[in-house]
Amino acid sequence: MSNRLYGTMKEEQIYSNYLKKELPLLIYLPPNYSPLYSYHLLIAQDGKYYFQLGRIARQTEELISNNEIEDVIIIGIPYKNVQERLEMYHPNGKMSDAYIRFLAEELVPYAEEHFQTYSLAAGRTLIGDSLGGTVSLLAALHYPNTFGQIILQSPYINQAVLDQVAAFDNHHLKIYHVVGKEETNVETTNGKRKDFLIPNRELNKMLINLEIIYHYHEFDGDHRWTFWQPDIKQALQYMFTK
């Protein structure tokens, strides 16, 4: 007999003054959610895919039901199209700075207004795959007092990102970081092929030298949800274990 508990999914909209547009939100509330208690907040870039392909709500519920992790509220941010994703998530994207400000200065206050969440940085986690991981990392580097935890699944890393990591001097971060051993010839949004593995190993060397809580591993696979989805459970356990 299953001891599975069920949470609640809802869809909302938020208007961003920084991005000058309305964004959809996919919100998951854990089983037995009550405004009388405080909850961890997990913000997912590529929100639609984390719920559909990553099955993040289902995996979270399973771990909560088994009493393996703390209760977590998840807010996923879907993107409209590939071009918008590139402009918001890429470190050189024309909306990247505005999107990072939206995360810290608009979405977090929205979450605090509508739900009971922990107000410390350690109570807020960002998760993203590929470019979604990149913008999650950059947001935490820009706002270390707002976001204290990051889950990076095969993030896109270039010299601009490495330079920002090199300049970072706040040690209160907790990072879960994975990349596939076969991610050596990844087709990117603009059609070009890039090696993700070597830049991620460079990032790993830099993060090891920071005084942070840090987990890194390389999985057997390439740049696909086939490999990110089963890794989510371990990431959730690492971040929210009881």
C-alpha atoms as a PDB file:
ATOM      1  CA  MET A   1       0.000   0.000   0.000  1.00  0.00           C
ATOM      2  CA  SER A   2       1.401   3.404  -0.983  1.00  0.00           C
ATOM      3  CA  ASN A   3       1.915   6.142   1.568  1.00  0.00           C
ATOM      4  CA  ARG A   4       2.026   8.724  -1.229  1.00  0.00           C
ATOM      5  CA  LEU A   5       0.751  12.185  -0.333  1.00  0.00           C
ATOM      6  CA  TYR A   6      -0.466  14.593  -2.976  1.00  0.00           C
ATOM      7  CA  GLY A   7       0.248  18.271  -3.367  1.00  0.00           C
ATOM      8  CA  THR A   8      -1.533  20.946  -5.396  1.00  0.00           C
ATOM      9  CA  MET A   9      -0.713  22.472  -8.777  1.00  0.00           C
ATOM     10  CA  LYS A  10      -1.905  25.922  -9.809  1.00  0.00           C
ATOM     11  CA  GLU A  11      -1.203  28.356 -12.629  1.00  0.00           C
ATOM     12  CA  GLU A  12      -0.780  32.089 -12.057  1.00  0.00           C
ATOM     13  CA  GLN A  13       0.541  35.162 -13.888  1.00  0.00           C
ATOM     14  CA  ILE A  14       3.013  37.796 -12.752  1.00  0.00           C
ATOM     15  CA  TYR A  15       3.770  41.100 -14.427  1.00  0.00           C
ATOM     16  CA  SER A  16       7.448  42.074 -14.488  1.00  0.00           C
ATOM     17  CA  ASN A  17       8.359  45.749 -14.648  1.00  0.00           C
ATOM     18  CA  TYR A  18      11.925  44.767 -15.499  1.00  0.00           C
ATOM     19  CA  LEU A  19      10.919  42.572 -18.436  1.00  0.00           C
ATOM     20  CA  LYS A  20       7.916  44.767 -19.368  1.00  0.00           C
ATOM     21  CA  LYS A  21       5.621  41.772 -19.783  1.00  0.00           C
ATOM     22  CA  GLU A  22       3.510  39.191 -18.027  1.00  0.00           C
ATOM     23  CA  LEU A  23       4.997  35.789 -17.286  1.00  0.00           C
ATOM     24  CA  PRO A  24       3.134  32.563 -16.521  1.00  0.00           C
ATOM     25  CA  LEU A  25       3.941  30.696 -13.312  1.00  0.00           C
ATOM     26  CA  LEU A  26       3.436  27.008 -12.539  1.00  0.00           C
ATOM     27  CA  ILE A  27       3.144  26.611  -8.772  1.00  0.00           C
ATOM     28  CA  TYR A  28       3.333  23.404  -6.773  1.00  0.00           C
ATOM     29  CA  LEU A  29       2.277  23.403  -3.132  1.00  0.00           C
ATOM     30  CA  PRO A  30       3.364  20.373  -1.095  1.00  0.00           C
ATOM     31  CA  PRO A  31       0.927  17.976   0.614  1.00  0.00           C
ATOM     32  CA  ASN A  32      -0.918  19.475   3.588  1.00  0.00           C
ATOM     33  CA  TYR A  33       0.319  22.981   2.753  1.00  0.00           C
ATOM     34  CA  SER A  34      -0.653  25.443   5.475  1.00  0.00           C
ATOM     35  CA  PRO A  35       0.114  29.181   5.799  1.00  0.00           C
ATOM     36  CA  LEU A  36       0.828  28.471   9.461  1.00  0.00           C
ATOM     37  CA  TYR A  37       4.172  26.898   8.539  1.00  0.00           C
ATOM     38  CA  SER A  38       7.199  28.126   6.597  1.00  0.00           C
ATOM     39  CA  TYR A  39       8.467  26.333   3.508  1.00  0.00           C
ATOM     40  CA  HIS A  40      11.548  26.080   1.324  1.00  0.00           C
ATOM     41  CA  LEU A  41      11.142  27.775  -2.049  1.00  0.00           C
ATOM     42  CA  LEU A  42      12.477  26.142  -5.218  1.00  0.00           C
ATOM     43  CA  ILE A  43      12.412  28.277  -8.385  1.00  0.00           C
ATOM     44  CA  ALA A  44      12.761  26.371 -11.664  1.00  0.00           C
ATOM     45  CA  GLN A  45      13.847  27.895 -14.948  1.00  0.00           C
ATOM     46  CA  ASP A  46      12.421  26.009 -17.943  1.00  0.00           C
ATOM     47  CA  GLY A  47       9.500  25.514 -15.583  1.00  0.00           C
ATOM     48  CA  LYS A  48       7.211  23.642 -17.976  1.00  0.00           C
ATOM     49  CA  TYR A  49       9.911  21.086 -18.719  1.00  0.00           C
ATOM     50  CA  TYR A  50      10.873  20.547 -15.091  1.00  0.00           C
ATOM     51  CA  PHE A  51       7.253  19.623 -14.343  1.00  0.00           C
ATOM     52  CA  GLN A  52       6.536  17.655 -17.534  1.00  0.00           C
ATOM     53  CA  LEU A  53       9.851  16.044 -18.491  1.00  0.00           C
ATOM     54  CA  GLY A  54      11.609  16.238 -15.143  1.00  0.00           C
ATOM     55  CA  ARG A  55       8.488  15.145 -13.184  1.00  0.00           C
ATOM     56  CA  ILE A  56       9.792  17.320 -10.387  1.00  0.00           C
ATOM     57  CA  ALA A  57       6.465  17.565  -8.521  1.00  0.00           C
ATOM     58  CA  ARG A  58       6.006  13.801  -8.545  1.00  0.00           C
ATOM     59  CA  GLN A  59       9.577  13.192  -7.363  1.00  0.00           C
ATOM     60  CA  THR A  60       9.238  15.842  -4.653  1.00  0.00           C
ATOM     61  CA  GLU A  61       5.994  14.268  -3.415  1.00  0.00           C
ATOM     62  CA  GLU A  62       7.559  10.830  -3.271  1.00  0.00           C
ATOM     63  CA  LEU A  63      10.441  12.100  -1.134  1.00  0.00           C
ATOM     64  CA  ILE A  64       8.110  14.098   1.132  1.00  0.00           C
ATOM     65  CA  SER A  65       5.799  11.069   1.522  1.00  0.00           C
ATOM     66  CA  ASN A  66       8.797   8.959   2.545  1.00  0.00           C
ATOM     67  CA  ASN A  67       9.864  11.653   5.013  1.00  0.00           C
ATOM     68  CA  GLU A  68      13.207  12.040   3.197  1.00  0.00           C
ATOM     69  CA  ILE A  69      13.101  15.781   2.500  1.00  0.00           C
ATOM     70  CA  GLU A  70      11.613  18.958   3.930  1.00  0.00           C
ATOM     71  CA  ASP A  71       8.413  20.332   2.418  1.00  0.00           C
ATOM     72  CA  VAL A  72       9.094  22.461  -0.663  1.00  0.00           C
ATOM     73  CA  ILE A  73       7.077  24.973  -2.675  1.00  0.00           C
ATOM     74  CA  ILE A  74       8.089  24.920  -6.360  1.00  0.00           C
ATOM     75  CA  ILE A  75       7.561  27.832  -8.736  1.00  0.00           C
ATOM     76  CA  GLY A  76       8.312  27.023 -12.360  1.00  0.00           C
ATOM     77  CA  ILE A  77       8.729  29.754 -14.969  1.00  0.00           C
ATOM     78  CA  PRO A  78       7.917  28.568 -18.497  1.00  0.00           C
ATOM     79  CA  TYR A  79       9.342  30.441 -21.462  1.00  0.00           C
ATOM     80  CA  LYS A  80       7.313  31.487 -24.514  1.00  0.00           C
ATOM     81  CA  ASN A  81       9.716  30.427 -27.261  1.00  0.00           C
ATOM     82  CA  VAL A  82      13.353  29.547 -27.907  1.00  0.00           C
ATOM     83  CA  GLN A  83      14.308  33.133 -28.777  1.00  0.00           C
ATOM     84  CA  GLU A  84      12.877  34.493 -25.515  1.00  0.00           C
ATOM     85  CA  ARG A  85      14.729  31.777 -23.591  1.00  0.00           C
ATOM     86  CA  LEU A  86      17.997  32.741 -25.243  1.00  0.00           C
ATOM     87  CA  GLU A  87      17.492  36.451 -24.496  1.00  0.00           C
ATOM     88  CA  MET A  88      16.609  35.833 -20.828  1.00  0.00           C
ATOM     89  CA  TYR A  89      18.933  32.962 -19.919  1.00  0.00           C
ATOM     90  CA  HIS A  90      22.112  33.433 -21.959  1.00  0.00           C
ATOM     91  CA  PRO A  91      24.837  35.422 -20.127  1.00  0.00           C
ATOM     92  CA  ASN A  92      25.046  37.720 -23.152  1.00  0.00           C
ATOM     93  CA  GLY A  93      21.292  37.829 -23.716  1.00  0.00           C
ATOM     94  CA  LYS A  94      19.731  41.263 -24.020  1.00  0.00           C
ATOM     95  CA  MET A  95      17.170  40.472 -21.272  1.00  0.00           C
ATOM     96  CA  SER A  96      19.520  38.523 -18.993  1.00  0.00           C
ATOM     97  CA  ASP A  97      20.111  41.301 -16.448  1.00  0.00           C
ATOM     98  CA  ALA A  98      16.417  42.187 -16.386  1.00  0.00           C
ATOM     99  CA  TYR A  99      15.456  38.524 -15.902  1.00  0.00           C
ATOM    100  CA  ILE A 100      17.880  38.116 -12.998  1.00  0.00           C
ATOM    101  CA  ARG A 101      16.437  41.255 -11.383  1.00  0.00           C
ATOM    102  CA  PHE A 102      12.944  39.869 -11.956  1.00  0.00           C
ATOM    103  CA  LEU A 103      13.876  36.663 -10.101  1.00  0.00           C
ATOM    104  CA  ALA A 104      15.306  38.453  -7.071  1.00  0.00           C
ATOM    105  CA  GLU A 105      13.292  41.648  -6.871  1.00  0.00           C
ATOM    106  CA  GLU A 106       9.878  40.640  -8.214  1.00  0.00           C
ATOM    107  CA  LEU A 107       9.371  36.868  -8.043  1.00  0.00           C
ATOM    108  CA  VAL A 108      10.751  36.408  -4.516  1.00  0.00           C
ATOM    109  CA  PRO A 109       8.560  39.215  -3.084  1.00  0.00           C
ATOM    110  CA  TYR A 110       5.591  37.684  -4.953  1.00  0.00           C
ATOM    111  CA  ALA A 111       6.276  34.312  -3.340  1.00  0.00           C
ATOM    112  CA  GLU A 112       6.645  35.900   0.100  1.00  0.00           C
ATOM    113  CA  GLU A 113       3.372  37.770  -0.333  1.00  0.00           C
ATOM    114  CA  HIS A 114       1.354  34.749  -1.448  1.00  0.00           C
ATOM    115  CA  PHE A 115       2.983  31.911   0.502  1.00  0.00           C
ATOM    116  CA  GLN A 116       4.719  31.317   3.780  1.00  0.00           C
ATOM    117  CA  THR A 117       8.386  30.860   2.838  1.00  0.00           C
ATOM    118  CA  TYR A 118      11.670  31.070   4.709  1.00  0.00           C
ATOM    119  CA  SER A 119      13.075  34.574   4.441  1.00  0.00           C
ATOM    120  CA  LEU A 120      16.739  33.530   4.569  1.00  0.00           C
ATOM    121  CA  ALA A 121      18.830  32.897   1.452  1.00  0.00           C
ATOM    122  CA  ALA A 122      19.337  29.285   2.561  1.00  0.00           C
ATOM    123  CA  GLY A 123      15.582  28.807   2.207  1.00  0.00           C
ATOM    124  CA  ARG A 124      15.587  29.713  -1.490  1.00  0.00           C
ATOM    125  CA  THR A 125      16.939  27.414  -4.208  1.00  0.00           C
ATOM    126  CA  LEU A 126      17.287  27.945  -7.955  1.00  0.00           C
ATOM    127  CA  ILE A 127      17.313  25.014 -10.383  1.00  0.00           C
ATOM    128  CA  GLY A 128      18.029  24.971 -14.098  1.00  0.00           C
ATOM    129  CA  ASP A 129      19.282  22.813 -16.952  1.00  0.00           C
ATOM    130  CA  SER A 130      21.640  24.061 -19.670  1.00  0.00           C
ATOM    131  CA  LEU A 131      21.081  27.844 -20.069  1.00  0.00           C
ATOM    132  CA  GLY A 132      18.562  27.642 -17.225  1.00  0.00           C
ATOM    133  CA  GLY A 133      21.417  26.490 -15.011  1.00  0.00           C
ATOM    134  CA  THR A 134      23.569  29.339 -16.261  1.00  0.00           C
ATOM    135  CA  VAL A 135      21.086  32.053 -15.331  1.00  0.00           C
ATOM    136  CA  SER A 136      20.429  30.345 -11.975  1.00  0.00           C
ATOM    137  CA  LEU A 137      24.144  30.481 -11.177  1.00  0.00           C
ATOM    138  CA  LEU A 138      24.427  34.118 -12.269  1.00  0.00           C
ATOM    139  CA  ALA A 139      21.362  35.096 -10.220  1.00  0.00           C
ATOM    140  CA  ALA A 140      22.900  33.579  -7.082  1.00  0.00           C
ATOM    141  CA  LEU A 141      26.227  35.307  -7.772  1.00  0.00           C
ATOM    142  CA  HIS A 142      24.438  38.655  -8.180  1.00  0.00           C
ATOM    143  CA  TYR A 143      22.066  38.125  -5.236  1.00  0.00           C
ATOM    144  CA  PRO A 144      23.830  35.845  -2.710  1.00  0.00           C
ATOM    145  CA  ASN A 145      21.721  37.259   0.131  1.00  0.00           C
ATOM    146  CA  THR A 146      18.552  36.267  -1.719  1.00  0.00           C
ATOM    147  CA  PHE A 147      19.439  32.867  -3.211  1.00  0.00           C
ATOM    148  CA  GLY A 148      21.566  30.538  -1.104  1.00  0.00           C
ATOM    149  CA  GLN A 149      21.233  27.248  -2.980  1.00  0.00           C
ATOM    150  CA  ILE A 150      21.609  26.288  -6.657  1.00  0.00           C
ATOM    151  CA  ILE A 151      21.019  23.072  -8.605  1.00  0.00           C
ATOM    152  CA  LEU A 152      22.976  23.119 -11.867  1.00  0.00           C
ATOM    153  CA  GLN A 153      22.211  20.421 -14.435  1.00  0.00           C
ATOM    154  CA  SER A 154      24.642  20.673 -17.360  1.00  0.00           C
ATOM    155  CA  PRO A 155      24.867  24.479 -17.303  1.00  0.00           C
ATOM    156  CA  TYR A 156      26.227  26.387 -20.297  1.00  0.00           C
ATOM    157  CA  ILE A 157      29.537  27.883 -19.157  1.00  0.00           C
ATOM    158  CA  ASN A 158      31.577  30.474 -21.047  1.00  0.00           C
ATOM    159  CA  GLN A 159      34.398  32.800 -20.047  1.00  0.00           C
ATOM    160  CA  ALA A 160      31.991  35.517 -18.919  1.00  0.00           C
ATOM    161  CA  VAL A 161      30.458  33.094 -16.402  1.00  0.00           C
ATOM    162  CA  LEU A 162      33.863  31.908 -15.174  1.00  0.00           C
ATOM    163  CA  ASP A 163      34.947  35.537 -14.708  1.00  0.00           C
ATOM    164  CA  GLN A 164      31.922  36.220 -12.516  1.00  0.00           C
ATOM    165  CA  VAL A 165      32.630  33.117 -10.436  1.00  0.00           C
ATOM    166  CA  ALA A 166      36.269  34.250 -10.043  1.00  0.00           C
ATOM    167  CA  ALA A 167      35.087  37.619  -8.703  1.00  0.00           C
ATOM    168  CA  PHE A 168      32.636  36.075  -6.224  1.00  0.00           C
ATOM    169  CA  ASP A 169      33.570  36.431  -2.557  1.00  0.00           C
ATOM    170  CA  ASN A 170      30.487  35.324  -0.612  1.00  0.00           C
ATOM    171  CA  HIS A 171      30.900  31.861   0.888  1.00  0.00           C
ATOM    172  CA  HIS A 172      27.330  31.138   1.986  1.00  0.00           C
ATOM    173  CA  LEU A 173      26.324  29.094  -1.033  1.00  0.00           C
ATOM    174  CA  LYS A 174      25.303  25.472  -1.427  1.00  0.00           C
ATOM    175  CA  ILE A 175      25.634  24.106  -4.969  1.00  0.00           C
ATOM    176  CA  TYR A 176      24.686  20.808  -6.593  1.00  0.00           C
ATOM    177  CA  HIS A 177      26.402  20.539  -9.989  1.00  0.00           C
ATOM    178  CA  VAL A 178      26.242  17.758 -12.595  1.00  0.00           C
ATOM    179  CA  VAL A 179      27.235  17.315 -16.232  1.00  0.00           C
ATOM    180  CA  GLY A 180      27.274  14.336 -18.606  1.00  0.00           C
ATOM    181  CA  LYS A 181      30.494  12.650 -19.638  1.00  0.00           C
ATOM    182  CA  GLU A 182      29.208  12.567 -23.232  1.00  0.00           C
ATOM    183  CA  GLU A 183      28.399  16.295 -23.434  1.00  0.00           C
ATOM    184  CA  THR A 184      31.304  17.016 -25.734  1.00  0.00           C
ATOM    185  CA  ASN A 185      29.396  17.945 -28.901  1.00  0.00           C
ATOM    186  CA  VAL A 186      26.100  19.560 -27.868  1.00  0.00           C
ATOM    187  CA  GLU A 187      23.905  21.300 -30.429  1.00  0.00           C
ATOM    188  CA  THR A 188      22.954  24.672 -28.950  1.00  0.00           C
ATOM    189  CA  THR A 189      19.944  26.908 -29.613  1.00  0.00           C
ATOM    190  CA  ASN A 190      21.679  28.778 -32.427  1.00  0.00           C
ATOM    191  CA  GLY A 191      22.594  25.533 -34.197  1.00  0.00           C
ATOM    192  CA  LYS A 192      26.262  25.610 -33.254  1.00  0.00           C
ATOM    193  CA  ARG A 193      27.892  22.700 -31.471  1.00  0.00           C
ATOM    194  CA  LYS A 194      29.762  23.184 -28.219  1.00  0.00           C
ATOM    195  CA  ASP A 195      31.679  21.125 -25.692  1.00  0.00           C
ATOM    196  CA  PHE A 196      29.883  21.421 -22.342  1.00  0.00           C
ATOM    197  CA  LEU A 197      32.073  18.975 -20.438  1.00  0.00           C
ATOM    198  CA  ILE A 198      35.407  20.845 -20.400  1.00  0.00           C
ATOM    199  CA  PRO A 199      33.904  24.233 -19.371  1.00  0.00           C
ATOM    200  CA  ASN A 200      31.946  22.508 -16.599  1.00  0.00           C
ATOM    201  CA  ARG A 201      35.145  20.882 -15.370  1.00  0.00           C
ATOM    202  CA  GLU A 202      36.709  24.354 -15.319  1.00  0.00           C
ATOM    203  CA  LEU A 203      33.765  25.609 -13.264  1.00  0.00           C
ATOM    204  CA  ASN A 204      34.169  22.623 -10.950  1.00  0.00           C
ATOM    205  CA  LYS A 205      37.819  23.516 -10.288  1.00  0.00           C
ATOM    206  CA  MET A 206      36.823  27.073  -9.379  1.00  0.00           C
ATOM    207  CA  LEU A 207      33.911  26.087  -7.146  1.00  0.00           C
ATOM    208  CA  ILE A 208      36.017  23.545  -5.261  1.00  0.00           C
ATOM    209  CA  ASN A 209      38.298  26.395  -4.230  1.00  0.00           C
ATOM    210  CA  LEU A 210      35.437  28.468  -2.828  1.00  0.00           C
ATOM    211  CA  GLU A 211      34.510  27.885   0.789  1.00  0.00           C
ATOM    212  CA  ILE A 212      31.028  26.649  -0.083  1.00  0.00           C
ATOM    213  CA  ILE A 213      29.009  23.469   0.358  1.00  0.00           C
ATOM    214  CA  TYR A 214      29.421  21.811  -3.004  1.00  0.00           C
ATOM    215  CA  HIS A 215      28.597  18.541  -4.729  1.00  0.00           C
ATOM    216  CA  TYR A 216      29.817  17.645  -8.216  1.00  0.00           C
ATOM    217  CA  HIS A 217      29.497  14.540 -10.311  1.00  0.00           C
ATOM    218  CA  GLU A 218      29.575  13.487 -13.943  1.00  0.00           C
ATOM    219  CA  PHE A 219      26.832  11.147 -15.092  1.00  0.00           C
ATOM    220  CA  ASP A 220      27.009   8.622 -17.930  1.00  0.00           C
ATOM    221  CA  GLY A 221      25.044  10.408 -20.637  1.00  0.00           C
ATOM    222  CA  ASP A 222      24.628  13.497 -22.758  1.00  0.00           C
ATOM    223  CA  HIS A 223      22.656  16.762 -22.831  1.00  0.00           C
ATOM    224  CA  ARG A 224      19.100  15.442 -22.480  1.00  0.00           C
ATOM    225  CA  TRP A 225      16.197  15.123 -20.058  1.00  0.00           C
ATOM    226  CA  THR A 226      16.670  11.360 -20.284  1.00  0.00           C
ATOM    227  CA  PHE A 227      19.603  11.890 -17.899  1.00  0.00           C
ATOM    228  CA  TRP A 228      18.543  15.029 -16.002  1.00  0.00           C
ATOM    229  CA  GLN A 229      15.191  13.601 -14.906  1.00  0.00           C
ATOM    230  CA  PRO A 230      16.534  10.677 -12.825  1.00  0.00           C
ATOM    231  CA  ASP A 231      19.167  12.998 -11.327  1.00  0.00           C
ATOM    232  CA  ILE A 232      16.553  15.376  -9.874  1.00  0.00           C
ATOM    233  CA  LYS A 233      15.781  13.082  -6.945  1.00  0.00           C
ATOM    234  CA  GLN A 234      19.403  13.083  -5.793  1.00  0.00           C
ATOM    235  CA  ALA A 235      19.537  16.876  -6.184  1.00  0.00           C
ATOM    236  CA  LEU A 236      16.403  17.303  -4.058  1.00  0.00           C
ATOM    237  CA  GLN A 237      17.796  14.964  -1.391  1.00  0.00           C
ATOM    238  CA  TYR A 238      21.056  16.898  -1.320  1.00  0.00           C
ATOM    239  CA  MET A 239      19.335  20.262  -0.929  1.00  0.00           C
ATOM    240  CA  PHE A 240      16.356  19.500   1.284  1.00  0.00           C
ATOM    241  CA  THR A 241      17.240  16.394   3.285  1.00  0.00           C
ATOM    242  CA  LYS A 242      15.731  16.235   6.768  1.00  0.00           C
END
